[in-house]
């Protein structure tokens, strides 16, 4: 089990976060974060590479659930939201999961190489 006092290995990180939707939050994942209040700053939740249909939809939804519990000031997804640029089924699955995020938490998306096909600029139209 990983605790705040233990050293977090890459293997432990993947176990906690889920392989397809890696998430990072250094406070315990079972209670809301008070990091912003404690430091007089802000707290954000970073997710990367859900790459749906290569990564699992369940892991993506689990990451969204963690964000909802932690109540950060905002959340960011760093690229590869889908596995195949422009694939409507993958885009819908990603957006359906993202829609489960508390509406009070702004969500920002950063495109990755799987999200955009340079030969088809419309692939990013969603």
C-alpha atoms as a PDB file:
ATOM      1  CA  UNK A   1       0.000   0.000   0.000  1.00  0.00           C
ATOM      2  CA  UNK A   2       1.209   3.507  -0.833  1.00  0.00           C
ATOM      3  CA  UNK A   3       1.054   6.144   1.892  1.00  0.00           C
ATOM      4  CA  UNK A   4       2.082   9.780   1.898  1.00  0.00           C
ATOM      5  CA  UNK A   5       5.191   8.807   3.863  1.00  0.00           C
ATOM      6  CA  UNK A   6       6.322   5.999   1.544  1.00  0.00           C
ATOM      7  CA  UNK A   7       8.381   6.348  -1.594  1.00  0.00           C
ATOM      8  CA  UNK A   8       6.125   6.112  -4.631  1.00  0.00           C
ATOM      9  CA  UNK A   9       7.533   3.786  -7.277  1.00  0.00           C
ATOM     10  CA  UNK A  10       6.398   3.853 -10.905  1.00  0.00           C
ATOM     11  CA  UNK A  11       4.666   0.480 -10.411  1.00  0.00           C
ATOM     12  CA  UNK A  12       2.787   1.760  -7.339  1.00  0.00           C
ATOM     13  CA  UNK A  13       1.821   4.918  -9.234  1.00  0.00           C
ATOM     14  CA  UNK A  14       0.256   2.892 -12.060  1.00  0.00           C
ATOM     15  CA  UNK A  15      -1.582   0.705  -9.524  1.00  0.00           C
ATOM     16  CA  UNK A  16      -3.054   3.761  -7.818  1.00  0.00           C
ATOM     17  CA  UNK A  17      -3.807   5.737 -10.969  1.00  0.00           C
ATOM     18  CA  UNK A  18      -4.907   3.113 -13.456  1.00  0.00           C
ATOM     19  CA  UNK A  19      -2.870   2.308 -16.539  1.00  0.00           C
ATOM     20  CA  UNK A  20      -4.907   4.236 -19.106  1.00  0.00           C
ATOM     21  CA  UNK A  21      -5.686   7.344 -17.111  1.00  0.00           C
ATOM     22  CA  UNK A  22      -2.629   8.193 -15.072  1.00  0.00           C
ATOM     23  CA  UNK A  23      -3.528  10.672 -12.368  1.00  0.00           C
ATOM     24  CA  UNK A  24      -1.441  12.504  -9.861  1.00  0.00           C
ATOM     25  CA  UNK A  25      -2.490  13.826  -6.483  1.00  0.00           C
ATOM     26  CA  UNK A  26      -0.043  13.705  -3.591  1.00  0.00           C
ATOM     27  CA  UNK A  27      -2.692  13.952  -0.893  1.00  0.00           C
ATOM     28  CA  UNK A  28      -4.473  10.729   0.161  1.00  0.00           C
ATOM     29  CA  UNK A  29      -6.927   9.727  -2.530  1.00  0.00           C
ATOM     30  CA  UNK A  30      -9.710   9.092  -0.032  1.00  0.00           C
ATOM     31  CA  UNK A  31     -10.374  12.644   1.136  1.00  0.00           C
ATOM     32  CA  UNK A  32     -10.633  16.100  -0.444  1.00  0.00           C
ATOM     33  CA  UNK A  33      -7.392  18.018  -0.774  1.00  0.00           C
ATOM     34  CA  UNK A  34      -6.814  21.101   1.335  1.00  0.00           C
ATOM     35  CA  UNK A  35      -3.554  21.912  -0.437  1.00  0.00           C
ATOM     36  CA  UNK A  36      -4.798  25.220  -1.860  1.00  0.00           C
ATOM     37  CA  UNK A  37      -6.158  26.385   1.504  1.00  0.00           C
ATOM     38  CA  UNK A  38      -3.063  25.275   3.409  1.00  0.00           C
ATOM     39  CA  UNK A  39      -0.644  27.062   1.099  1.00  0.00           C
ATOM     40  CA  UNK A  40      -2.728  30.075   0.134  1.00  0.00           C
ATOM     41  CA  UNK A  41      -2.425  29.101  -3.532  1.00  0.00           C
ATOM     42  CA  UNK A  42      -4.281  26.745  -5.796  1.00  0.00           C
ATOM     43  CA  UNK A  43      -4.596  23.018  -6.322  1.00  0.00           C
ATOM     44  CA  UNK A  44      -4.939  21.245  -9.667  1.00  0.00           C
ATOM     45  CA  UNK A  45      -5.485  17.677 -10.795  1.00  0.00           C
ATOM     46  CA  UNK A  46      -3.415  16.360 -13.702  1.00  0.00           C
ATOM     47  CA  UNK A  47      -4.475  13.417 -15.850  1.00  0.00           C
ATOM     48  CA  UNK A  48      -2.497  12.166 -18.813  1.00  0.00           C
ATOM     49  CA  UNK A  49      -2.912   9.736 -21.640  1.00  0.00           C
ATOM     50  CA  UNK A  50      -6.358   8.198 -21.122  1.00  0.00           C
ATOM     51  CA  UNK A  51      -6.029   7.136 -24.788  1.00  0.00           C
ATOM     52  CA  UNK A  52      -9.459   5.558 -24.797  1.00  0.00           C
ATOM     53  CA  UNK A  53      -9.865   2.186 -26.454  1.00  0.00           C
ATOM     54  CA  UNK A  54      -6.188   1.529 -25.858  1.00  0.00           C
ATOM     55  CA  UNK A  55      -6.581   2.550 -22.217  1.00  0.00           C
ATOM     56  CA  UNK A  56      -9.706   1.447 -20.404  1.00  0.00           C
ATOM     57  CA  UNK A  57     -12.846   3.522 -20.039  1.00  0.00           C
ATOM     58  CA  UNK A  58     -13.079   2.320 -16.419  1.00  0.00           C
ATOM     59  CA  UNK A  59      -9.662   3.831 -15.610  1.00  0.00           C
ATOM     60  CA  UNK A  60     -10.682   7.136 -17.184  1.00  0.00           C
ATOM     61  CA  UNK A  61     -13.899   7.200 -15.136  1.00  0.00           C
ATOM     62  CA  UNK A  62     -11.924   6.283 -12.003  1.00  0.00           C
ATOM     63  CA  UNK A  63      -9.608   9.250 -12.586  1.00  0.00           C
ATOM     64  CA  UNK A  64     -12.621  11.557 -12.944  1.00  0.00           C
ATOM     65  CA  UNK A  65     -13.973  10.139  -9.677  1.00  0.00           C
ATOM     66  CA  UNK A  66     -10.692  10.955  -7.910  1.00  0.00           C
ATOM     67  CA  UNK A  67     -10.851  14.513  -9.236  1.00  0.00           C
ATOM     68  CA  UNK A  68     -14.426  14.884  -7.993  1.00  0.00           C
ATOM     69  CA  UNK A  69     -13.410  13.721  -4.507  1.00  0.00           C
ATOM     70  CA  UNK A  70     -10.327  15.934  -4.315  1.00  0.00           C
ATOM     71  CA  UNK A  71     -12.159  19.049  -5.565  1.00  0.00           C
ATOM     72  CA  UNK A  72      -9.184  20.816  -7.196  1.00  0.00           C
ATOM     73  CA  UNK A  73      -9.416  24.361  -8.536  1.00  0.00           C
ATOM     74  CA  UNK A  74      -9.104  22.933 -12.058  1.00  0.00           C
ATOM     75  CA  UNK A  75      -8.141  19.740 -13.901  1.00  0.00           C
ATOM     76  CA  UNK A  76      -5.934  19.190 -16.952  1.00  0.00           C
ATOM     77  CA  UNK A  77      -5.756  16.251 -19.359  1.00  0.00           C
ATOM     78  CA  UNK A  78      -2.340  16.159 -21.036  1.00  0.00           C
ATOM     79  CA  UNK A  79      -2.818  14.619 -24.395  1.00  0.00           C
ATOM     80  CA  UNK A  80      -3.897  11.447 -26.057  1.00  0.00           C
ATOM     81  CA  UNK A  81      -7.512  11.654 -24.977  1.00  0.00           C
ATOM     82  CA  UNK A  82      -8.298   9.061 -27.657  1.00  0.00           C
ATOM     83  CA  UNK A  83      -6.278   6.387 -29.408  1.00  0.00           C
ATOM     84  CA  UNK A  84      -7.335   7.146 -33.002  1.00  0.00           C
ATOM     85  CA  UNK A  85      -7.756  10.781 -34.057  1.00  0.00           C
ATOM     86  CA  UNK A  86     -11.293  11.562 -35.164  1.00  0.00           C
ATOM     87  CA  UNK A  87     -12.763   8.201 -34.092  1.00  0.00           C
ATOM     88  CA  UNK A  88     -16.316   9.118 -33.063  1.00  0.00           C
ATOM     89  CA  UNK A  89     -16.777   6.193 -30.660  1.00  0.00           C
ATOM     90  CA  UNK A  90     -13.560   7.038 -28.805  1.00  0.00           C
ATOM     91  CA  UNK A  91     -14.360  10.757 -28.730  1.00  0.00           C
ATOM     92  CA  UNK A  92     -17.842  10.038 -27.343  1.00  0.00           C
ATOM     93  CA  UNK A  93     -16.436   7.761 -24.626  1.00  0.00           C
ATOM     94  CA  UNK A  94     -13.903  10.428 -23.640  1.00  0.00           C
ATOM     95  CA  UNK A  95     -16.497  13.210 -23.551  1.00  0.00           C
ATOM     96  CA  UNK A  96     -19.010  11.045 -21.656  1.00  0.00           C
ATOM     97  CA  UNK A  97     -16.394  10.424 -18.962  1.00  0.00           C
ATOM     98  CA  UNK A  98     -15.351  14.088 -18.882  1.00  0.00           C
ATOM     99  CA  UNK A  99     -19.013  15.086 -18.441  1.00  0.00           C
ATOM    100  CA  UNK A 100     -18.963  13.250 -15.087  1.00  0.00           C
ATOM    101  CA  UNK A 101     -16.496  15.806 -13.705  1.00  0.00           C
ATOM    102  CA  UNK A 102     -18.086  18.162 -11.184  1.00  0.00           C
ATOM    103  CA  UNK A 103     -19.219  21.239 -13.144  1.00  0.00           C
ATOM    104  CA  UNK A 104     -17.479  23.460 -10.578  1.00  0.00           C
ATOM    105  CA  UNK A 105     -14.089  22.064 -11.718  1.00  0.00           C
ATOM    106  CA  UNK A 106     -12.911  23.585 -15.020  1.00  0.00           C
ATOM    107  CA  UNK A 107     -11.359  20.968 -17.328  1.00  0.00           C
ATOM    108  CA  UNK A 108      -8.585  21.876 -19.771  1.00  0.00           C
ATOM    109  CA  UNK A 109      -7.469  19.591 -22.616  1.00  0.00           C
ATOM    110  CA  UNK A 110      -4.001  19.543 -24.186  1.00  0.00           C
ATOM    111  CA  UNK A 111      -3.817  17.667 -27.496  1.00  0.00           C
ATOM    112  CA  UNK A 112      -1.428  14.788 -27.955  1.00  0.00           C
ATOM    113  CA  UNK A 113      -0.213  13.027 -31.075  1.00  0.00           C
ATOM    114  CA  UNK A 114      -3.145  10.566 -30.981  1.00  0.00           C
ATOM    115  CA  UNK A 115      -5.724  13.380 -30.873  1.00  0.00           C
ATOM    116  CA  UNK A 116      -4.853  15.077 -34.142  1.00  0.00           C
ATOM    117  CA  UNK A 117      -4.173  13.764 -37.640  1.00  0.00           C
ATOM    118  CA  UNK A 118      -2.257  16.381 -39.658  1.00  0.00           C
ATOM    119  CA  UNK A 119      -3.651  14.974 -42.918  1.00  0.00           C
ATOM    120  CA  UNK A 120      -7.199  15.451 -41.558  1.00  0.00           C
ATOM    121  CA  UNK A 121      -7.442  18.768 -39.665  1.00  0.00           C
ATOM    122  CA  UNK A 122     -11.132  18.093 -39.050  1.00  0.00           C
ATOM    123  CA  UNK A 123     -10.079  15.211 -36.769  1.00  0.00           C
ATOM    124  CA  UNK A 124      -9.752  17.760 -33.979  1.00  0.00           C
ATOM    125  CA  UNK A 125     -13.167  19.302 -34.620  1.00  0.00           C
ATOM    126  CA  UNK A 126     -14.729  17.818 -31.540  1.00  0.00           C
END
